[in-house]
C-alpha atoms as a PDB file:
ATOM      1  CA  UNK A   1      -0.077  -0.148  -0.077  1.00  0.00           C
ATOM      2  CA  UNK A   2       0.859   3.582  -0.867  1.00  0.00           C
ATOM      3  CA  UNK A   3       2.734   4.622   2.335  1.00  0.00           C
ATOM      4  CA  UNK A   4       1.409   8.689   1.228  1.00  0.00           C
ATOM      5  CA  UNK A   5      -1.967   7.154   0.894  1.00  0.00           C
ATOM      6  CA  UNK A   6      -2.246   5.793   4.695  1.00  0.00           C
ATOM      7  CA  UNK A   7      -0.890   9.004   5.250  1.00  0.00           C
ATOM      8  CA  UNK A   8      -3.697  10.965   3.661  1.00  0.00           C
ATOM      9  CA  UNK A   9      -6.210   8.671   5.614  1.00  0.00           C
ATOM     10  CA  UNK A  10      -4.544   9.143   8.670  1.00  0.00           C
ATOM     11  CA  UNK A  11      -4.714  12.735   8.299  1.00  0.00           C
ATOM     12  CA  UNK A  12      -7.702  12.313   7.629  1.00  0.00           C
ATOM     13  CA  UNK A  13      -8.617  10.255  10.531  1.00  0.00           C
ATOM     14  CA  UNK A  14      -7.044  12.764  12.744  1.00  0.00           C
ATOM     15  CA  UNK A  15      -8.718  16.156  11.395  1.00  0.00           C
ATOM     16  CA  UNK A  16      -5.731  17.958  10.051  1.00  0.00           C
ATOM     17  CA  UNK A  17      -6.293  16.893   5.981  1.00  0.00           C
ATOM     18  CA  UNK A  18      -5.609  19.949   3.831  1.00  0.00           C
ATOM     19  CA  UNK A  19      -8.871  20.226   1.348  1.00  0.00           C
ATOM     20  CA  UNK A  20      -5.914  19.448  -1.594  1.00  0.00           C
ATOM     21  CA  UNK A  21      -4.825  16.098   0.498  1.00  0.00           C
ATOM     22  CA  UNK A  22      -8.806  15.650   0.467  1.00  0.00           C
ATOM     23  CA  UNK A  23      -9.132  15.631  -3.052  1.00  0.00           C
ATOM     24  CA  UNK A  24      -6.569  13.738  -3.808  1.00  0.00           C
ATOM     25  CA  UNK A  25      -8.086  10.847  -1.136  1.00  0.00           C
ATOM     26  CA  UNK A  26     -11.181  11.337  -2.233  1.00  0.00           C
ATOM     27  CA  UNK A  27      -9.200  10.702  -5.805  1.00  0.00           C
ATOM     28  CA  UNK A  28      -7.722   7.261  -5.492  1.00  0.00           C
ATOM     29  CA  UNK A  29     -10.939   6.003  -3.410  1.00  0.00           C
ATOM     30  CA  UNK A  30     -13.059   6.353  -6.280  1.00  0.00           C
ATOM     31  CA  UNK A  31     -10.306   4.870  -8.942  1.00  0.00           C
ATOM     32  CA  UNK A  32     -10.351   1.527  -6.209  1.00  0.00           C
ATOM     33  CA  UNK A  33     -11.374  -1.858  -6.204  1.00  0.00           C
ATOM     34  CA  UNK A  34     -14.314  -2.602  -2.946  1.00  0.00           C
ATOM     35  CA  UNK A  35     -11.999  -5.309  -2.139  1.00  0.00           C
ATOM     36  CA  UNK A  36      -8.728  -3.270  -1.904  1.00  0.00           C
ATOM     37  CA  UNK A  37     -10.526   0.045  -0.043  1.00  0.00           C
ATOM     38  CA  UNK A  38     -12.155  -3.158   2.728  1.00  0.00           C
ATOM     39  CA  UNK A  39      -8.399  -3.650   3.297  1.00  0.00           C
ATOM     40  CA  UNK A  40      -7.178  -0.511   3.729  1.00  0.00           C
ATOM     41  CA  UNK A  41     -10.062   0.529   5.919  1.00  0.00           C
ATOM     42  CA  UNK A  42      -9.310  -2.832   7.988  1.00  0.00           C
ATOM     43  CA  UNK A  43      -5.328  -2.078   8.197  1.00  0.00           C
ATOM     44  CA  UNK A  44      -6.140   1.062   9.478  1.00  0.00           C
ATOM     45  CA  UNK A  45      -8.764   0.428  11.808  1.00  0.00           C
ATOM     46  CA  UNK A  46      -5.348  -1.640  13.095  1.00  0.00           C
ATOM     47  CA  UNK A  47      -3.076   0.953  12.998  1.00  0.00           C
ATOM     48  CA  UNK A  48      -4.899   3.308  15.256  1.00  0.00           C
ATOM     49  CA  UNK A  49      -5.903   0.804  17.847  1.00  0.00           C
ATOM     50  CA  UNK A  50      -3.066   0.699  20.353  1.00  0.00           C
ATOM     51  CA  UNK A  51      -4.369  -1.726  22.227  1.00  0.00           C
ATOM     52  CA  UNK A  52      -5.651  -4.674  19.752  1.00  0.00           C
ATOM     53  CA  UNK A  53      -1.846  -6.922  20.342  1.00  0.00           C
ATOM     54  CA  UNK A  54      -2.940  -6.627  23.760  1.00  0.00           C
ATOM     55  CA  UNK A  55      -6.171  -7.589  23.220  1.00  0.00           C
ATOM     56  CA  UNK A  56      -5.570 -10.672  21.415  1.00  0.00           C
ATOM     57  CA  UNK A  57      -2.099 -11.713  22.809  1.00  0.00           C
ATOM     58  CA  UNK A  58      -3.469 -11.401  26.553  1.00  0.00           C
ATOM     59  CA  UNK A  59      -7.515 -12.124  26.649  1.00  0.00           C
ATOM     60  CA  UNK A  60      -7.370 -15.018  28.422  1.00  0.00           C
ATOM     61  CA  UNK A  61      -5.288 -13.545  31.023  1.00  0.00           C
ATOM     62  CA  UNK A  62      -7.422 -10.623  31.474  1.00  0.00           C
ATOM     63  CA  UNK A  63     -10.459 -12.887  32.202  1.00  0.00           C
ATOM     64  CA  UNK A  64      -8.529 -14.850  34.911  1.00  0.00           C
ATOM     65  CA  UNK A  65      -7.359 -10.803  36.632  1.00  0.00           C
ATOM     66  CA  UNK A  66     -10.662 -10.380  36.675  1.00  0.00           C
ATOM     67  CA  UNK A  67     -12.259 -13.666  37.968  1.00  0.00           C
ATOM     68  CA  UNK A  68      -9.363 -13.046  40.860  1.00  0.00           C
ATOM     69  CA  UNK A  69      -9.811  -9.527  42.127  1.00  0.00           C
ATOM     70  CA  UNK A  70     -13.071  -8.139  44.368  1.00  0.00           C
ATOM     71  CA  UNK A  71     -15.362  -6.706  43.125  1.00  0.00           C
ATOM     72  CA  UNK A  72     -14.375  -2.570  43.533  1.00  0.00           C
ATOM     73  CA  UNK A  73     -10.831  -3.706  41.426  1.00  0.00           C
ATOM     74  CA  UNK A  74     -13.690  -5.666  39.411  1.00  0.00           C
ATOM     75  CA  UNK A  75     -15.291  -3.117  38.361  1.00  0.00           C
ATOM     76  CA  UNK A  76     -12.744  -1.132  37.712  1.00  0.00           C
ATOM     77  CA  UNK A  77     -11.382  -3.479  35.527  1.00  0.00           C
ATOM     78  CA  UNK A  78     -14.362  -3.805  33.434  1.00  0.00           C
ATOM     79  CA  UNK A  79     -14.674   0.002  33.506  1.00  0.00           C
ATOM     80  CA  UNK A  80     -11.467  -0.104  31.760  1.00  0.00           C
ATOM     81  CA  UNK A  81     -12.012  -2.834  29.524  1.00  0.00           C
ATOM     82  CA  UNK A  82     -15.477  -1.106  28.679  1.00  0.00           C
ATOM     83  CA  UNK A  83     -12.833   2.070  27.756  1.00  0.00           C
ATOM     84  CA  UNK A  84     -11.351  -0.016  25.188  1.00  0.00           C
ATOM     85  CA  UNK A  85     -14.548  -1.642  23.788  1.00  0.00           C
ATOM     86  CA  UNK A  86     -15.185   2.041  23.203  1.00  0.00           C
ATOM     87  CA  UNK A  87     -12.596   3.247  21.909  1.00  0.00           C
ATOM     88  CA  UNK A  88     -12.880   0.581  19.626  1.00  0.00           C
ATOM     89  CA  UNK A  89     -16.460   1.364  18.746  1.00  0.00           C
ATOM     90  CA  UNK A  90     -15.641   4.828  18.280  1.00  0.00           C
ATOM     91  CA  UNK A  91     -12.327   3.908  15.500  1.00  0.00           C
ATOM     92  CA  UNK A  92     -14.795   2.145  13.872  1.00  0.00           C
ATOM     93  CA  UNK A  93     -18.213   4.494  13.743  1.00  0.00           C
ATOM     94  CA  UNK A  94     -14.921   7.159  12.681  1.00  0.00           C
ATOM     95  CA  UNK A  95     -13.567   4.700   9.487  1.00  0.00           C
ATOM     96  CA  UNK A  96     -17.326   3.341   8.997  1.00  0.00           C
ATOM     97  CA  UNK A  97     -18.104   7.048   8.342  1.00  0.00           C
ATOM     98  CA  UNK A  98     -14.913   8.047   6.378  1.00  0.00           C
ATOM     99  CA  UNK A  99     -15.678   4.569   4.266  1.00  0.00           C
ATOM    100  CA  UNK A 100     -19.612   6.182   3.812  1.00  0.00           C
ATOM    101  CA  UNK A 101     -18.534   9.473   3.030  1.00  0.00           C
ATOM    102  CA  UNK A 102     -15.936   8.328   0.034  1.00  0.00           C
ATOM    103  CA  UNK A 103     -19.162   5.357  -0.830  1.00  0.00           C
ATOM    104  CA  UNK A 104     -21.059   8.785  -1.428  1.00  0.00           C
ATOM    105  CA  UNK A 105     -17.875  10.846  -3.676  1.00  0.00           C
ATOM    106  CA  UNK A 106     -17.726   7.486  -5.250  1.00  0.00           C
ATOM    107  CA  UNK A 107     -21.208   6.691  -6.394  1.00  0.00           C
ATOM    108  CA  UNK A 108     -21.557  11.069  -7.581  1.00  0.00           C
ATOM    109  CA  UNK A 109     -18.721   9.658 -10.152  1.00  0.00           C
ATOM    110  CA  UNK A 110     -20.330   6.959 -11.444  1.00  0.00           C
ATOM    111  CA  UNK A 111     -23.675   9.232 -11.931  1.00  0.00           C
ATOM    112  CA  UNK A 112     -21.328  11.307 -13.569  1.00  0.00           C
ATOM    113  CA  UNK A 113     -20.183   7.802 -15.645  1.00  0.00           C
ATOM    114  CA  UNK A 114     -23.804   7.287 -16.660  1.00  0.00           C
ATOM    115  CA  UNK A 115     -24.462  10.894 -18.659  1.00  0.00           C
ATOM    116  CA  UNK A 116     -24.360  10.527 -22.059  1.00  0.00           C
ATOM    117  CA  UNK A 117     -22.711  12.249 -24.358  1.00  0.00           C
ATOM    118  CA  UNK A 118     -24.198  13.387 -27.668  1.00  0.00           C
ATOM    119  CA  UNK A 119     -22.879  14.081 -30.731  1.00  0.00           C
ATOM    120  CA  UNK A 120     -25.620  16.007 -33.082  1.00  0.00           C
ATOM    121  CA  UNK A 121     -25.361  16.715 -37.112  1.00  0.00           C
ATOM    122  CA  UNK A 122     -27.576  19.711 -37.933  1.00  0.00           C
ATOM    123  CA  UNK A 123     -29.204  19.646 -41.277  1.00  0.00           C
ATOM    124  CA  UNK A 124     -26.380  19.499 -44.536  1.00  0.00           C
ATOM    125  CA  UNK A 125     -23.359  18.950 -42.254  1.00  0.00           C
ATOM    126  CA  UNK A 126     -21.125  16.493 -41.329  1.00  0.00           C
ATOM    127  CA  UNK A 127     -18.981  15.158 -38.985  1.00  0.00           C
ATOM    128  CA  UNK A 128     -16.329  13.245 -37.900  1.00  0.00           C
ATOM    129  CA  UNK A 129     -15.197  11.832 -34.652  1.00  0.00           C
ATOM    130  CA  UNK A 130     -12.789   9.034 -33.189  1.00  0.00           C
ATOM    131  CA  UNK A 131     -15.181   7.467 -29.544  1.00  0.00           C
ATOM    132  CA  UNK A 132     -12.645   6.555 -26.263  1.00  0.00           C
ATOM    133  CA  UNK A 133     -11.918   2.986 -28.010  1.00  0.00           C
ATOM    134  CA  UNK A 134     -10.757   4.677 -31.105  1.00  0.00           C
ATOM    135  CA  UNK A 135     -13.527   3.999 -33.648  1.00  0.00           C
ATOM    136  CA  UNK A 136     -13.805   6.190 -36.466  1.00  0.00           C
ATOM    137  CA  UNK A 137     -16.854   7.824 -37.318  1.00  0.00           C
ATOM    138  CA  UNK A 138     -18.491   9.619 -39.936  1.00  0.00           C
ATOM    139  CA  UNK A 139     -21.593  10.978 -39.157  1.00  0.00           C
ATOM    140  CA  UNK A 140     -23.890  12.415 -41.760  1.00  0.00           C
ATOM    141  CA  UNK A 141     -26.300  15.274 -42.084  1.00  0.00           C
ATOM    142  CA  UNK A 142     -29.288  15.301 -39.311  1.00  0.00           C
ATOM    143  CA  UNK A 143     -27.412  12.271 -37.373  1.00  0.00           C
ATOM    144  CA  UNK A 144     -27.602  11.656 -33.134  1.00  0.00           C
ATOM    145  CA  UNK A 145     -24.595   9.693 -32.013  1.00  0.00           C
ATOM    146  CA  UNK A 146     -24.624   9.590 -27.364  1.00  0.00           C
ATOM    147  CA  UNK A 147     -23.053   7.180 -25.210  1.00  0.00           C
ATOM    148  CA  UNK A 148     -22.514   7.269 -22.077  1.00  0.00           C
ATOM    149  CA  UNK A 149     -19.139   9.448 -20.265  1.00  0.00           C
ATOM    150  CA  UNK A 150     -18.157   5.434 -18.621  1.00  0.00           C
ATOM    151  CA  UNK A 151     -18.065   4.441 -22.174  1.00  0.00           C
ATOM    152  CA  UNK A 152     -15.226   1.371 -22.642  1.00  0.00           C
ATOM    153  CA  UNK A 153     -14.759   0.597 -19.117  1.00  0.00           C
ATOM    154  CA  UNK A 154     -17.110  -2.108 -19.043  1.00  0.00           C
ATOM    155  CA  UNK A 155     -18.715  -2.287 -22.669  1.00  0.00           C
ATOM    156  CA  UNK A 156     -18.882  -0.007 -25.777  1.00  0.00           C
ATOM    157  CA  UNK A 157     -22.857   0.789 -26.617  1.00  0.00           C
ATOM    158  CA  UNK A 158     -24.250   3.537 -28.019  1.00  0.00           C
ATOM    159  CA  UNK A 159     -27.492   4.832 -29.344  1.00  0.00           C
ATOM    160  CA  UNK A 160     -27.540   6.294 -33.171  1.00  0.00           C
ATOM    161  CA  UNK A 161     -29.932   7.428 -35.364  1.00  0.00           C
ATOM    162  CA  UNK A 162     -28.937   9.060 -38.756  1.00  0.00           C
ATOM    163  CA  UNK A 163     -26.617   7.423 -41.536  1.00  0.00           C
ATOM    164  CA  UNK A 164     -22.540   7.169 -40.111  1.00  0.00           C
ATOM    165  CA  UNK A 165     -20.280   5.192 -41.546  1.00  0.00           C
ATOM    166  CA  UNK A 166     -17.961   3.354 -38.762  1.00  0.00           C
ATOM    167  CA  UNK A 167     -14.642   2.089 -38.773  1.00  0.00           C
ATOM    168  CA  UNK A 168     -14.831   0.173 -35.416  1.00  0.00           C
ATOM    169  CA  UNK A 169     -11.820  -0.317 -33.361  1.00  0.00           C
ATOM    170  CA  UNK A 170     -11.384  -3.902 -32.647  1.00  0.00           C
ATOM    171  CA  UNK A 171     -11.660  -5.297 -29.032  1.00  0.00           C
ATOM    172  CA  UNK A 172     -12.033  -9.011 -28.279  1.00  0.00           C
ATOM    173  CA  UNK A 173     -13.024  -8.615 -24.442  1.00  0.00           C
ATOM    174  CA  UNK A 174     -15.654  -5.746 -25.042  1.00  0.00           C
ATOM    175  CA  UNK A 175     -17.928  -5.931 -28.340  1.00  0.00           C
ATOM    176  CA  UNK A 176     -19.541  -2.807 -30.080  1.00  0.00           C
ATOM    177  CA  UNK A 177     -22.715  -2.389 -29.881  1.00  0.00           C
ATOM    178  CA  UNK A 178     -25.881   0.415 -31.338  1.00  0.00           C
ATOM    179  CA  UNK A 179     -28.711  -0.121 -30.320  1.00  0.00           C
ATOM    180  CA  UNK A 180     -31.444   2.118 -32.975  1.00  0.00           C
ATOM    181  CA  UNK A 181     -35.072   2.170 -32.839  1.00  0.00           C
ATOM    182  CA  UNK A 182     -35.880  -0.941 -34.409  1.00  0.00           C
ATOM    183  CA  UNK A 183     -32.190  -2.878 -35.236  1.00  0.00           C
ATOM    184  CA  UNK A 184     -29.576  -3.971 -32.718  1.00  0.00           C
ATOM    185  CA  UNK A 185     -25.621  -4.113 -34.065  1.00  0.00           C
ATOM    186  CA  UNK A 186     -23.196  -6.146 -32.791  1.00  0.00           C
ATOM    187  CA  UNK A 187     -19.871  -5.794 -33.881  1.00  0.00           C
ATOM    188  CA  UNK A 188     -16.156  -6.498 -32.606  1.00  0.00           C
ATOM    189  CA  UNK A 189     -13.351  -4.858 -35.446  1.00  0.00           C
ATOM    190  CA  UNK A 190     -15.161  -4.149 -38.400  1.00  0.00           C
ATOM    191  CA  UNK A 191     -16.321  -1.306 -41.266  1.00  0.00           C
ATOM    192  CA  UNK A 192     -20.029   0.020 -42.453  1.00  0.00           C
ATOM    193  CA  UNK A 193     -22.329   2.207 -43.158  1.00  0.00           C
ATOM    194  CA  UNK A 194     -25.407   2.438 -41.201  1.00  0.00           C
ATOM    195  CA  UNK A 195     -28.068   4.587 -42.237  1.00  0.00           C
ATOM    196  CA  UNK A 196     -31.566   4.289 -39.623  1.00  0.00           C
ATOM    197  CA  UNK A 197     -32.790   7.631 -39.965  1.00  0.00           C
ATOM    198  CA  UNK A 198     -36.224   7.373 -37.600  1.00  0.00           C
ATOM    199  CA  UNK A 199     -38.388   8.759 -41.277  1.00  0.00           C
ATOM    200  CA  UNK A 200     -37.473   6.660 -43.646  1.00  0.00           C
ATOM    201  CA  UNK A 201     -39.102   3.306 -44.436  1.00  0.00           C
ATOM    202  CA  UNK A 202     -36.126   1.161 -45.032  1.00  0.00           C
ATOM    203  CA  UNK A 203     -33.482   1.324 -42.414  1.00  0.00           C
ATOM    204  CA  UNK A 204     -29.619  -0.313 -43.786  1.00  0.00           C
ATOM    205  CA  UNK A 205     -26.443  -1.511 -43.030  1.00  0.00           C
ATOM    206  CA  UNK A 206     -23.611  -2.253 -45.462  1.00  0.00           C
ATOM    207  CA  UNK A 207     -20.553  -4.270 -44.615  1.00  0.00           C
ATOM    208  CA  UNK A 208     -17.527  -3.148 -46.147  1.00  0.00           C
ATOM    209  CA  UNK A 209     -15.074  -5.614 -43.690  1.00  0.00           C
ATOM    210  CA  UNK A 210     -15.526  -8.231 -41.177  1.00  0.00           C
ATOM    211  CA  UNK A 211     -18.792  -9.129 -39.910  1.00  0.00           C
ATOM    212  CA  UNK A 212     -21.833  -8.316 -38.110  1.00  0.00           C
ATOM    213  CA  UNK A 213     -24.790  -9.620 -36.443  1.00  0.00           C
ATOM    214  CA  UNK A 214     -28.010  -7.417 -36.949  1.00  0.00           C
ATOM    215  CA  UNK A 215     -31.180  -8.104 -34.904  1.00  0.00           C
ATOM    216  CA  UNK A 216     -34.886  -6.872 -34.399  1.00  0.00           C
ATOM    217  CA  UNK A 217     -35.892  -5.059 -31.750  1.00  0.00           C
ATOM    218  CA  UNK A 218     -39.275  -6.221 -31.572  1.00  0.00           C
ATOM    219  CA  UNK A 219     -41.237  -9.684 -30.630  1.00  0.00           C
ATOM    220  CA  UNK A 220     -40.504 -12.124 -32.517  1.00  0.00           C
ATOM    221  CA  UNK A 221     -36.753 -11.487 -32.962  1.00  0.00           C
ATOM    222  CA  UNK A 222     -35.029 -11.499 -36.705  1.00  0.00           C
ATOM    223  CA  UNK A 223     -31.395 -11.715 -36.536  1.00  0.00           C
ATOM    224  CA  UNK A 224     -28.947 -12.066 -39.306  1.00  0.00           C
ATOM    225  CA  UNK A 225     -25.005 -12.427 -39.575  1.00  0.00           C
ATOM    226  CA  UNK A 226     -23.807 -10.241 -42.175  1.00  0.00           C
ATOM    227  CA  UNK A 227     -20.621 -10.894 -44.530  1.00  0.00           C
ATOM    228  CA  UNK A 228     -18.410  -8.341 -46.385  1.00  0.00           C
ATOM    229  CA  UNK A 229     -20.857  -7.220 -49.064  1.00  0.00           C
ATOM    230  CA  UNK A 230     -23.476  -7.914 -47.665  1.00  0.00           C
ATOM    231  CA  UNK A 231     -26.163  -5.527 -46.750  1.00  0.00           C
ATOM    232  CA  UNK A 232     -29.376  -5.589 -43.933  1.00  0.00           C
ATOM    233  CA  UNK A 233     -32.457  -4.271 -44.836  1.00  0.00           C
ATOM    234  CA  UNK A 234     -35.603  -3.470 -42.861  1.00  0.00           C
ATOM    235  CA  UNK A 235     -38.670  -2.468 -43.693  1.00  0.00           C
ATOM    236  CA  UNK A 236     -40.085  -0.239 -40.783  1.00  0.00           C
ATOM    237  CA  UNK A 237     -43.808  -1.563 -42.312  1.00  0.00           C
ATOM    238  CA  UNK A 238     -43.645  -4.982 -42.653  1.00  0.00           C
ATOM    239  CA  UNK A 239     -41.118  -5.064 -39.668  1.00  0.00           C
ATOM    240  CA  UNK A 240     -39.092  -7.546 -42.056  1.00  0.00           C
ATOM    241  CA  UNK A 241     -35.449  -8.605 -42.335  1.00  0.00           C
ATOM    242  CA  UNK A 242     -33.669  -9.281 -45.387  1.00  0.00           C
ATOM    243  CA  UNK A 243     -30.317  -9.803 -47.102  1.00  0.00           C
ATOM    244  CA  UNK A 244     -29.167  -8.506 -50.533  1.00  0.00           C
ATOM    245  CA  UNK A 245     -25.835  -8.069 -52.202  1.00  0.00           C
ATOM    246  CA  UNK A 246     -24.239  -4.812 -51.644  1.00  0.00           C
ATOM    247  CA  UNK A 247     -22.621  -2.001 -53.637  1.00  0.00           C
ATOM    248  CA  UNK A 248     -20.368  -0.047 -51.609  1.00  0.00           C
ATOM    249  CA  UNK A 249     -19.929   2.540 -53.877  1.00  0.00           C
ATOM    250  CA  UNK A 250     -23.630   3.337 -53.382  1.00  0.00           C
ATOM    251  CA  UNK A 251     -23.994   3.027 -49.869  1.00  0.00           C
ATOM    252  CA  UNK A 252     -20.668   5.303 -49.240  1.00  0.00           C
ATOM    253  CA  UNK A 253     -21.560   7.642 -52.020  1.00  0.00           C
ATOM    254  CA  UNK A 254     -22.148  10.668 -49.624  1.00  0.00           C
ATOM    255  CA  UNK A 255     -18.651  10.276 -47.594  1.00  0.00           C
ATOM    256  CA  UNK A 256     -17.613  12.146 -51.127  1.00  0.00           C
ATOM    257  CA  UNK A 257     -20.828  14.282 -51.592  1.00  0.00           C
ATOM    258  CA  UNK A 258     -22.020  12.048 -54.142  1.00  0.00           C
ATOM    259  CA  UNK A 259     -25.804  11.221 -53.825  1.00  0.00           C
ATOM    260  CA  UNK A 260     -27.152   8.204 -55.949  1.00  0.00           C
ATOM    261  CA  UNK A 261     -30.141   7.070 -56.582  1.00  0.00           C
ATOM    262  CA  UNK A 262     -31.220   3.455 -57.966  1.00  0.00           C
ATOM    263  CA  UNK A 263     -35.403   3.619 -59.697  1.00  0.00           C
ATOM    264  CA  UNK A 264     -36.370   5.437 -56.306  1.00  0.00           C
ATOM    265  CA  UNK A 265     -39.945   7.639 -56.678  1.00  0.00           C
ATOM    266  CA  UNK A 266     -38.933  11.621 -56.918  1.00  0.00           C
ATOM    267  CA  UNK A 267     -40.308  12.727 -53.279  1.00  0.00           C
ATOM    268  CA  UNK A 268     -37.756  10.109 -51.901  1.00  0.00           C
ATOM    269  CA  UNK A 269     -35.159  11.900 -54.254  1.00  0.00           C
ATOM    270  CA  UNK A 270     -36.102  15.168 -53.347  1.00  0.00           C
ATOM    271  CA  UNK A 271     -36.443  13.953 -49.768  1.00  0.00           C
ATOM    272  CA  UNK A 272     -32.738  12.891 -50.463  1.00  0.00           C
ATOM    273  CA  UNK A 273     -31.658  16.161 -51.644  1.00  0.00           C
ATOM    274  CA  UNK A 274     -33.298  17.933 -49.309  1.00  0.00           C
ATOM    275  CA  UNK A 275     -31.225  15.699 -45.952  1.00  0.00           C
ATOM    276  CA  UNK A 276     -28.170  16.335 -47.943  1.00  0.00           C
ATOM    277  CA  UNK A 277     -27.469  20.064 -48.768  1.00  0.00           C
ATOM    278  CA  UNK A 278     -29.512  20.846 -45.545  1.00  0.00           C
ATOM    279  CA  UNK A 279     -33.148  22.203 -46.796  1.00  0.00           C
ATOM    280  CA  UNK A 280     -36.822  21.497 -45.907  1.00  0.00           C
ATOM    281  CA  UNK A 281     -38.567  20.335 -49.505  1.00  0.00           C
ATOM    282  CA  UNK A 282     -42.279  21.734 -50.415  1.00  0.00           C
ATOM    283  CA  UNK A 283     -43.387  19.371 -53.413  1.00  0.00           C
ATOM    284  CA  UNK A 284     -46.690  20.934 -55.025  1.00  0.00           C
ATOM    285  CA  UNK A 285     -46.332  17.954 -58.234  1.00  0.00           C
ATOM    286  CA  UNK A 286     -48.349  15.519 -56.435  1.00  0.00           C
ATOM    287  CA  UNK A 287     -48.538  13.682 -59.678  1.00  0.00           C
ATOM    288  CA  UNK A 288     -44.680  13.403 -60.231  1.00  0.00           C
ATOM    289  CA  UNK A 289     -44.029  12.247 -56.750  1.00  0.00           C
ATOM    290  CA  UNK A 290     -44.086   8.605 -57.576  1.00  0.00           C
ATOM    291  CA  UNK A 291     -41.921   8.846 -60.378  1.00  0.00           C
ATOM    292  CA  UNK A 292     -38.947   7.102 -60.769  1.00  0.00           C
ATOM    293  CA  UNK A 293     -35.294   7.804 -61.045  1.00  0.00           C
ATOM    294  CA  UNK A 294     -31.856   6.659 -61.233  1.00  0.00           C
ATOM    295  CA  UNK A 295     -28.531   8.733 -61.408  1.00  0.00           C
ATOM    296  CA  UNK A 296     -26.105   9.978 -59.179  1.00  0.00           C
ATOM    297  CA  UNK A 297     -25.271  13.699 -58.244  1.00  0.00           C
ATOM    298  CA  UNK A 298     -22.290  14.790 -57.249  1.00  0.00           C
ATOM    299  CA  UNK A 299     -22.654  18.473 -58.123  1.00  0.00           C
ATOM    300  CA  UNK A 300     -23.948  21.088 -55.763  1.00  0.00           C
ATOM    301  CA  UNK A 301     -27.508  21.980 -54.408  1.00  0.00           C
ATOM    302  CA  UNK A 302     -28.586  24.430 -57.746  1.00  0.00           C
ATOM    303  CA  UNK A 303     -26.873  21.759 -59.945  1.00  0.00           C
ATOM    304  CA  UNK A 304     -28.522  18.782 -58.916  1.00  0.00           C
ATOM    305  CA  UNK A 305     -32.129  20.906 -58.916  1.00  0.00           C
ATOM    306  CA  UNK A 306     -31.303  21.974 -62.612  1.00  0.00           C
ATOM    307  CA  UNK A 307     -30.352  18.692 -64.253  1.00  0.00           C
ATOM    308  CA  UNK A 308     -34.093  17.345 -62.637  1.00  0.00           C
ATOM    309  CA  UNK A 309     -35.383  20.537 -63.965  1.00  0.00           C
ATOM    310  CA  UNK A 310     -34.610  19.490 -67.040  1.00  0.00           C
ATOM    311  CA  UNK A 311     -35.887  15.551 -66.923  1.00  0.00           C
ATOM    312  CA  UNK A 312     -39.051  16.751 -65.000  1.00  0.00           C
ATOM    313  CA  UNK A 313     -39.466  20.485 -65.912  1.00  0.00           C
ATOM    314  CA  UNK A 314     -40.804  21.546 -63.116  1.00  0.00           C
ATOM    315  CA  UNK A 315     -39.795  24.784 -61.732  1.00  0.00           C
ATOM    316  CA  UNK A 316     -37.808  25.040 -58.335  1.00  0.00           C
ATOM    317  CA  UNK A 317     -36.958  28.179 -55.683  1.00  0.00           C
ATOM    318  CA  UNK A 318     -34.739  27.897 -53.081  1.00  0.00           C
ATOM    319  CA  UNK A 319     -35.672  30.891 -50.224  1.00  0.00           C
ATOM    320  CA  UNK A 320     -33.516  30.549 -46.873  1.00  0.00           C
ATOM    321  CA  UNK A 321     -33.868  26.791 -45.784  1.00  0.00           C
ATOM    322  CA  UNK A 322     -36.935  25.666 -47.838  1.00  0.00           C
ATOM    323  CA  UNK A 323     -37.181  24.339 -51.650  1.00  0.00           C
ATOM    324  CA  UNK A 324     -40.470  24.872 -53.770  1.00  0.00           C
ATOM    325  CA  UNK A 325     -40.726  22.940 -56.147  1.00  0.00           C
ATOM    326  CA  UNK A 326     -44.120  23.046 -58.222  1.00  0.00           C
ATOM    327  CA  UNK A 327     -45.578  23.371 -62.044  1.00  0.00           C
ATOM    328  CA  UNK A 328     -43.792  24.680 -64.430  1.00  0.00           C
ATOM    329  CA  UNK A 329     -46.059  27.746 -65.431  1.00  0.00           C
END
């Protein structure tokens, strides 16, 4: 045991500890396993009890002495013995008080560790971040990733909505887990793209490398094991989980500021354009909403809209953060 820590504990018991020393002692206690704390308190109890060795070695002699003495003498010895017991009890209570005080402090740190760290991206915003375990994440527009401050200590669990590209750091002892509204993802060390926007009908996890286990959060639970170049698709309306082949260039096109559409309804195309460029979309052409479009965009917002305008013959206007799409007059 570190003599410095023992000295701090003794100064606390004697009431001579300074505030900075107490903070140091509290920090040590907060990062020490409970079994070591018990040993420390027991050790200090014995060190602080000057009668411990006499009581342990000579208790039989004390009993014989009490029996041989006269009543007054016996009373005197008994009183001294009771004072000894009272001293032990007082020291015990003092140490218990210390342990409770430091335990409360430790619990405060535990509660602090349970607080959530939250990263949010706004409309048209993308963020790269590194989690405490070394996992690298790139977040697409309007995504939310959260984890507790003690992430990585006993587990690696995050909550997520939106779209993100994950390069998970390997840790065989702590499985990386992602909790979403409909899906639960388990990995060790792998790379994948996860798109789970709450308003989307189809949620998607496309695996780049490694292996991933995907399961649903509802009964009956559906589970799928994914391998590279596969993707899991979950239909939020039918509640069905399916596996399909993946073309990674399409699923991760957003990392290069590209949009890829394969026979998508125009309404969905415009919605994803709005998400990509950070604008709300107001479409006033119900007859074209379900018209299918296939194409790749890597232009800015106005470049994309001009291509669609030429194809569908509509008018558009961007006012602040809203895109209005109407019939051509």
